[in-house]
Amino acid sequence: MFKENSKPYSWDLPIFKELRLEPFNAPPSTETYVGEVDNEYWTIKIWVDCMPAQFWKFEIYSKEAKAVTYKFRTGSGGFTEYWKVAKMFAEGMLEFEAVE
């Protein structure tokens, strides 16, 4: 079992700084709240689960709808690649529909 805490990947640090997110120091196999990014239209809350690979969870709140409009989890990978997807959902550039 992994015993050391995990930190953001080095390539994710510039986007953390740009978004004013504090780098996390997450215990293994524990969902850790990273923070939120906010503008006049939406708020995106972010969590990470490190095993030590990093898995992300995003919750997107629309200020216009006054509701959480999307929640999604990712496979393993860096924040930078998944942040682009979260932002696309928040900006209405990406949608999905469950098909049964």
Protein backbone atom coordinates (compact mmCIF):
# COMPACT_ATOMS: atom_id res chain seq x y z
CA MET A 1 0.00 0.00 0.00
CA PHE A 2 1.19 3.52 -0.78
CA LYS A 3 2.13 5.57 2.28
CA GLU A 4 3.41 8.86 0.88
CA ASN A 5 1.18 11.81 0.11
CA SER A 6 0.85 12.92 -3.51
CA LYS A 7 1.27 16.39 -4.96
CA PRO A 8 0.31 17.81 -8.37
CA TYR A 9 2.39 16.64 -11.31
CA SER A 10 5.07 19.21 -12.22
CA TRP A 11 3.40 19.92 -15.58
CA ASP A 12 0.16 20.81 -13.78
CA LEU A 13 1.72 23.46 -11.53
CA PRO A 14 1.45 26.32 -14.08
CA ILE A 15 -2.31 25.81 -14.49
CA PHE A 16 -2.72 25.56 -10.70
CA LYS A 17 -0.99 28.93 -10.41
CA GLU A 18 -3.04 30.44 -13.26
CA LEU A 19 -6.30 29.28 -11.64
CA ARG A 20 -5.11 30.31 -8.15
CA LEU A 21 -5.45 26.77 -6.81
CA GLU A 22 -3.17 25.75 -3.96
CA PRO A 23 -1.11 22.65 -4.75
CA PHE A 24 -2.54 19.74 -2.80
CA ASN A 25 -0.75 17.30 -0.52
CA ALA A 26 -3.16 14.36 -0.71
CA PRO A 27 -3.02 11.18 1.33
CA PRO A 28 -3.22 7.97 -0.69
CA SER A 29 -6.64 6.57 -1.65
CA THR A 30 -8.49 9.52 -0.14
CA GLU A 31 -10.68 11.91 -2.09
CA THR A 32 -9.18 15.33 -1.40
CA TYR A 33 -10.86 18.66 -2.12
CA VAL A 34 -8.54 20.76 -4.29
CA GLY A 35 -10.61 23.93 -4.54
CA GLU A 36 -12.88 25.75 -6.92
CA VAL A 37 -12.62 28.00 -9.93
CA ASP A 38 -15.28 30.66 -10.25
CA ASN A 39 -16.38 33.27 -12.76
CA GLU A 40 -19.61 35.20 -13.36
CA TYR A 41 -21.28 32.25 -15.17
CA TRP A 42 -20.14 29.09 -13.37
CA THR A 43 -18.25 27.53 -10.47
CA ILE A 44 -16.24 24.34 -10.87
CA LYS A 45 -15.36 22.39 -7.71
CA ILE A 46 -12.41 19.99 -7.97
CA TRP A 47 -11.34 16.88 -6.05
CA VAL A 48 -8.44 14.47 -6.57
CA ASP A 49 -7.94 10.86 -5.49
CA CYS A 50 -4.30 9.71 -5.63
CA MET A 51 -3.37 6.01 -5.69
CA PRO A 52 -0.61 7.37 -6.55
CA ALA A 53 -2.06 7.86 -10.08
CA GLN A 54 -4.37 10.87 -10.00
CA PHE A 55 -8.10 10.55 -10.61
CA TRP A 56 -10.20 13.71 -10.76
CA LYS A 57 -13.77 14.62 -9.86
CA PHE A 58 -15.47 17.80 -11.09
CA GLU A 59 -18.77 19.39 -10.08
CA ILE A 60 -19.98 22.19 -12.35
CA TYR A 61 -22.50 24.72 -11.02
CA SER A 62 -24.30 26.99 -13.49
CA LYS A 63 -25.13 30.39 -12.04
CA GLU A 64 -27.79 30.94 -14.72
CA ALA A 65 -29.57 27.65 -13.94
CA LYS A 66 -28.79 28.02 -10.21
CA ALA A 67 -27.97 24.31 -10.08
CA VAL A 68 -25.22 21.76 -10.48
CA THR A 69 -25.43 20.87 -14.16
CA TYR A 70 -22.65 18.28 -14.44
CA LYS A 71 -20.65 15.95 -12.23
CA PHE A 72 -18.02 13.67 -13.67
CA ARG A 73 -15.02 11.58 -12.71
CA THR A 74 -11.97 10.84 -14.80
CA GLY A 75 -9.56 8.03 -15.40
CA SER A 76 -5.98 8.53 -14.31
CA GLY A 77 -4.07 11.48 -15.68
CA GLY A 78 -2.96 15.01 -15.09
CA PHE A 79 -5.18 17.92 -14.14
CA THR A 80 -4.25 19.94 -17.23
CA GLU A 81 -5.88 17.53 -19.68
CA TYR A 82 -9.08 17.12 -17.66
CA TRP A 83 -9.44 20.81 -16.77
CA LYS A 84 -10.00 21.51 -20.48
CA VAL A 85 -12.94 19.08 -20.48
CA ALA A 86 -14.48 20.54 -17.30
CA LYS A 87 -14.24 24.04 -18.72
CA MET A 88 -15.88 22.94 -21.98
CA PHE A 89 -18.85 21.51 -20.03
CA ALA A 90 -19.12 24.70 -17.97
CA GLU A 91 -19.09 26.89 -21.10
CA GLY A 92 -21.74 24.80 -22.87
CA MET A 93 -19.28 23.62 -25.51
CA LEU A 94 -19.69 19.96 -24.57
CA GLU A 95 -22.80 18.08 -23.47
CA PHE A 96 -23.80 14.49 -23.07
CA GLU A 97 -26.97 12.49 -22.89
CA ALA A 98 -27.32 9.08 -21.28
CA VAL A 99 -28.73 6.49 -23.67
CA GLU A 100 -30.53 3.48 -22.26
